[in-house]
Structures are given as C-alpha cells and as structure tokens.
C-alpha cells in the first residue's frame, strides 16, 4: 500500500514541477499523516486533510458534482486504508 501512495506522490510531484515549494509541502503533509496512530477517527481526519491539500494545490473541483470528485475520493480511500493498515 505504501508503494501505491509513494507512486501517487511521485506522479503528483511530476505533474506540478512548476511549483516546487508546494510539492515539498504536500509530500511532507502526506508523510506526516503516516505517523497517525491508526485509529479510524484519526485516519479519517488525516486522510481528509491530505486529500483537501492535494485538491487545493492542483486546483481540483471536489465540490458536489465536481469534475475531480470521484478521483479525489479514490485518493482519500487509498490514504485512509493505508493509515488503517499500518
């Protein structure tokens, strides 16, 4: 599962090479979420924050009916399940 997340981080970082400082913040945010104690509520909170940070950075429309909502939910579930399983 960690390989999937690291692959996603690499892809996101590669896509947004024009804004290197923000990419570092996103990677640090996702890495800090891995240190959560693994309780379901903490995993929900950290996964939501990481997904919203990615959405904000890349300009995803994650509002109800937004074009990237389904993709953002997939990202959220990957981060959430990784948090629960580790």
N, C-alpha and C. Protein backbone atom coordinates (compact mmCIF):
# COMPACT_ATOMS: atom_id res chain seq x y z
N UNK A 1 0.82 -1.18 0.00
CA UNK A 1 0.00 0.00 0.00
C UNK A 1 0.87 1.25 0.00
N UNK A 2 1.99 1.17 0.70
CA UNK A 2 2.89 2.32 0.73
C UNK A 2 3.45 2.61 -0.65
N UNK A 3 3.67 1.56 -1.43
CA UNK A 3 4.18 1.75 -2.78
C UNK A 3 3.18 2.53 -3.63
N UNK A 4 1.89 2.26 -3.44
CA UNK A 4 0.85 2.96 -4.19
C UNK A 4 0.86 4.43 -3.83
N UNK A 5 0.93 4.72 -2.54
CA UNK A 5 0.93 6.12 -2.11
C UNK A 5 2.18 6.83 -2.59
N UNK A 6 3.32 6.18 -2.47
CA UNK A 6 4.54 6.82 -2.94
C UNK A 6 4.51 7.03 -4.45
N UNK A 7 3.92 6.09 -5.18
CA UNK A 7 3.78 6.26 -6.62
C UNK A 7 2.87 7.44 -6.94
N UNK A 8 1.78 7.57 -6.18
CA UNK A 8 0.87 8.70 -6.40
C UNK A 8 1.55 10.01 -6.09
N UNK A 9 2.32 10.07 -5.02
CA UNK A 9 3.04 11.28 -4.67
C UNK A 9 4.02 11.64 -5.77
N UNK A 10 4.72 10.65 -6.29
CA UNK A 10 5.66 10.90 -7.38
C UNK A 10 4.94 11.46 -8.61
N UNK A 11 3.80 10.87 -8.96
CA UNK A 11 3.05 11.35 -10.12
C UNK A 11 2.57 12.78 -9.88
N UNK A 12 2.03 13.06 -8.71
CA UNK A 12 1.56 14.42 -8.41
C UNK A 12 2.72 15.41 -8.45
N UNK A 13 3.85 15.02 -7.91
CA UNK A 13 5.01 15.91 -7.89
C UNK A 13 5.53 16.13 -9.31
N UNK A 14 5.51 15.10 -10.14
CA UNK A 14 5.98 15.23 -11.51
C UNK A 14 5.08 16.15 -12.33
N UNK A 15 3.79 16.08 -12.08
CA UNK A 15 2.83 16.90 -12.82
C UNK A 15 3.00 18.38 -12.48
N UNK A 16 3.32 18.67 -11.25
CA UNK A 16 3.36 20.06 -10.79
C UNK A 16 4.78 20.55 -10.57
N UNK A 17 5.70 20.22 -11.44
CA UNK A 17 7.10 20.61 -11.26
C UNK A 17 7.27 22.13 -11.30
N UNK A 18 6.34 22.86 -11.85
CA UNK A 18 6.46 24.31 -11.94
C UNK A 18 6.42 24.99 -10.59
N UNK A 19 5.86 24.33 -9.58
CA UNK A 19 5.73 24.94 -8.26
C UNK A 19 6.36 24.01 -7.23
N UNK A 20 7.69 23.99 -7.17
CA UNK A 20 8.42 23.01 -6.36
C UNK A 20 8.17 23.17 -4.87
N UNK A 21 8.04 24.37 -4.36
CA UNK A 21 7.85 24.56 -2.93
C UNK A 21 6.56 23.91 -2.45
N UNK A 22 5.50 24.06 -3.20
CA UNK A 22 4.23 23.47 -2.81
C UNK A 22 4.29 21.95 -2.83
N UNK A 23 5.02 21.37 -3.77
CA UNK A 23 5.14 19.91 -3.82
C UNK A 23 5.82 19.38 -2.57
N UNK A 24 6.83 20.08 -2.09
CA UNK A 24 7.52 19.66 -0.88
C UNK A 24 6.56 19.67 0.29
N UNK A 25 5.72 20.70 0.38
CA UNK A 25 4.75 20.78 1.46
C UNK A 25 3.75 19.64 1.39
N UNK A 26 3.31 19.28 0.20
CA UNK A 26 2.34 18.19 0.05
C UNK A 26 2.97 16.87 0.48
N UNK A 27 4.19 16.61 0.03
CA UNK A 27 4.85 15.36 0.40
C UNK A 27 5.07 15.30 1.90
N UNK A 28 5.47 16.42 2.51
CA UNK A 28 5.65 16.45 3.97
C UNK A 28 4.33 16.22 4.68
N UNK A 29 3.25 16.80 4.15
CA UNK A 29 1.93 16.62 4.75
C UNK A 29 1.49 15.16 4.69
N UNK A 30 1.69 14.53 3.55
CA UNK A 30 1.31 13.12 3.41
C UNK A 30 2.19 12.25 4.30
N UNK A 31 3.49 12.53 4.34
CA UNK A 31 4.38 11.74 5.19
C UNK A 31 4.04 11.91 6.66
N UNK A 32 3.65 13.11 7.07
CA UNK A 32 3.29 13.32 8.46
C UNK A 32 1.99 12.59 8.81
N UNK A 33 1.13 12.37 7.81
CA UNK A 33 -0.11 11.64 8.05
C UNK A 33 0.15 10.16 8.30
N UNK A 34 1.29 9.66 7.84
CA UNK A 34 1.62 8.26 8.07
C UNK A 34 1.95 7.99 9.53
N UNK A 35 2.24 9.03 10.30
CA UNK A 35 2.59 8.84 11.70
C UNK A 35 1.36 8.83 12.62
N UNK A 36 0.18 8.86 12.05
CA UNK A 36 -1.05 8.82 12.83
C UNK A 36 -1.14 7.48 13.53
N UNK A 37 -1.78 7.45 14.70
CA UNK A 37 -1.81 6.23 15.50
C UNK A 37 -2.68 5.12 14.92
N UNK A 38 -3.41 5.37 13.86
CA UNK A 38 -4.15 4.32 13.20
C UNK A 38 -5.57 4.11 13.67
N UNK A 39 -6.06 4.97 14.59
CA UNK A 39 -7.46 4.85 14.97
C UNK A 39 -8.31 5.34 13.81
N UNK A 40 -9.49 4.79 13.62
CA UNK A 40 -10.32 5.20 12.49
C UNK A 40 -10.58 6.71 12.42
N UNK A 41 -10.85 7.34 13.56
CA UNK A 41 -11.15 8.78 13.50
C UNK A 41 -9.92 9.59 13.11
N UNK A 42 -8.74 9.19 13.60
CA UNK A 42 -7.52 9.90 13.22
C UNK A 42 -7.20 9.67 11.74
N UNK A 43 -7.46 8.46 11.25
CA UNK A 43 -7.23 8.17 9.85
C UNK A 43 -8.16 8.98 8.95
N UNK A 44 -9.41 9.11 9.36
CA UNK A 44 -10.37 9.92 8.60
C UNK A 44 -9.87 11.36 8.53
N UNK A 45 -9.50 11.90 9.68
CA UNK A 45 -9.07 13.29 9.76
C UNK A 45 -7.82 13.54 8.91
N UNK A 46 -6.82 12.68 9.06
CA UNK A 46 -5.57 12.90 8.32
C UNK A 46 -5.75 12.66 6.83
N UNK A 47 -6.55 11.67 6.45
CA UNK A 47 -6.80 11.39 5.03
C UNK A 47 -7.56 12.53 4.37
N UNK A 48 -8.54 13.06 5.09
CA UNK A 48 -9.31 14.19 4.56
C UNK A 48 -8.40 15.40 4.37
N UNK A 49 -7.58 15.70 5.36
CA UNK A 49 -6.69 16.85 5.25
C UNK A 49 -5.69 16.71 4.11
N UNK A 50 -5.13 15.52 3.93
CA UNK A 50 -4.18 15.28 2.85
C UNK A 50 -4.86 15.41 1.49
N UNK A 51 -6.06 14.86 1.36
CA UNK A 51 -6.79 14.93 0.09
C UNK A 51 -7.18 16.37 -0.23
N UNK A 52 -7.65 17.11 0.76
CA UNK A 52 -8.01 18.50 0.51
C UNK A 52 -6.79 19.35 0.18
N UNK A 53 -5.64 19.04 0.78
CA UNK A 53 -4.41 19.76 0.45
C UNK A 53 -4.02 19.51 -1.01
N UNK A 54 -4.13 18.25 -1.44
CA UNK A 54 -3.84 17.93 -2.84
C UNK A 54 -4.83 18.64 -3.77
N UNK A 55 -6.10 18.61 -3.42
CA UNK A 55 -7.12 19.25 -4.25
C UNK A 55 -6.88 20.75 -4.36
N UNK A 56 -6.51 21.37 -3.26
CA UNK A 56 -6.25 22.80 -3.27
C UNK A 56 -5.02 23.13 -4.11
N UNK A 57 -3.98 22.33 -3.95
CA UNK A 57 -2.73 22.58 -4.67
C UNK A 57 -2.89 22.44 -6.18
N UNK A 58 -3.63 21.42 -6.59
CA UNK A 58 -3.76 21.14 -8.01
C UNK A 58 -5.03 21.71 -8.64
N UNK A 59 -5.81 22.44 -7.85
CA UNK A 59 -7.00 23.09 -8.38
C UNK A 59 -8.12 22.15 -8.77
N UNK A 60 -8.23 21.02 -8.06
CA UNK A 60 -9.29 20.08 -8.37
C UNK A 60 -10.63 20.65 -7.92
N UNK A 61 -11.67 20.37 -8.70
CA UNK A 61 -13.04 20.74 -8.33
C UNK A 61 -13.65 19.56 -7.59
N UNK A 62 -13.60 19.62 -6.26
CA UNK A 62 -14.08 18.50 -5.44
C UNK A 62 -15.42 18.82 -4.78
N UNK A 63 -16.09 19.84 -5.28
CA UNK A 63 -17.42 20.14 -4.76
C UNK A 63 -18.39 19.06 -5.22
N UNK A 64 -19.56 19.05 -4.64
CA UNK A 64 -20.56 18.06 -5.03
C UNK A 64 -20.84 18.20 -6.52
N UNK A 65 -20.60 17.15 -7.26
CA UNK A 65 -20.78 17.19 -8.70
C UNK A 65 -19.57 17.72 -9.43
N UNK A 66 -18.48 17.98 -8.72
CA UNK A 66 -17.26 18.50 -9.34
C UNK A 66 -16.63 17.46 -10.25
N UNK A 67 -15.82 17.93 -11.17
CA UNK A 67 -15.24 17.05 -12.17
C UNK A 67 -14.20 16.09 -11.60
N UNK A 68 -13.51 16.48 -10.55
CA UNK A 68 -12.48 15.62 -9.96
C UNK A 68 -12.92 14.97 -8.65
N UNK A 69 -14.18 15.04 -8.31
CA UNK A 69 -14.66 14.50 -7.04
C UNK A 69 -14.40 12.99 -6.93
N UNK A 70 -14.70 12.25 -7.96
CA UNK A 70 -14.52 10.80 -7.93
C UNK A 70 -13.04 10.45 -7.75
N UNK A 71 -12.16 11.16 -8.45
CA UNK A 71 -10.73 10.91 -8.32
C UNK A 71 -10.25 11.25 -6.91
N UNK A 72 -10.73 12.37 -6.37
CA UNK A 72 -10.34 12.78 -5.02
C UNK A 72 -10.80 11.75 -3.99
N UNK A 73 -11.98 11.18 -4.17
CA UNK A 73 -12.45 10.15 -3.25
C UNK A 73 -11.60 8.88 -3.33
N UNK A 74 -11.14 8.55 -4.54
CA UNK A 74 -10.24 7.41 -4.69
C UNK A 74 -8.92 7.66 -3.95
N UNK A 75 -8.39 8.88 -4.08
CA UNK A 75 -7.16 9.24 -3.38
C UNK A 75 -7.38 9.16 -1.88
N UNK A 76 -8.50 9.69 -1.42
CA UNK A 76 -8.84 9.66 0.01
C UNK A 76 -8.86 8.22 0.53
N UNK A 77 -9.53 7.32 -0.20
CA UNK A 77 -9.64 5.93 0.26
C UNK A 77 -8.29 5.24 0.30
N UNK A 78 -7.41 5.53 -0.65
CA UNK A 78 -6.08 4.92 -0.65
C UNK A 78 -5.31 5.36 0.60
N UNK A 79 -5.35 6.66 0.88
CA UNK A 79 -4.64 7.19 2.06
C UNK A 79 -5.27 6.64 3.34
N UNK A 80 -6.59 6.61 3.39
CA UNK A 80 -7.31 6.13 4.58
C UNK A 80 -7.00 4.66 4.87
N UNK A 81 -7.08 3.82 3.85
CA UNK A 81 -6.83 2.40 4.05
C UNK A 81 -5.38 2.14 4.44
N UNK A 82 -4.46 2.91 3.85
CA UNK A 82 -3.06 2.76 4.23
C UNK A 82 -2.86 3.13 5.69
N UNK A 83 -3.54 4.17 6.15
CA UNK A 83 -3.45 4.59 7.55
C UNK A 83 -3.99 3.49 8.48
N UNK A 84 -5.11 2.91 8.12
CA UNK A 84 -5.71 1.87 8.97
C UNK A 84 -4.85 0.61 9.02
N UNK A 85 -4.22 0.28 7.90
CA UNK A 85 -3.46 -0.97 7.82
C UNK A 85 -2.05 -0.86 8.36
N UNK A 86 -1.63 0.33 8.73
CA UNK A 86 -0.25 0.48 9.24
C UNK A 86 -0.22 0.93 10.64
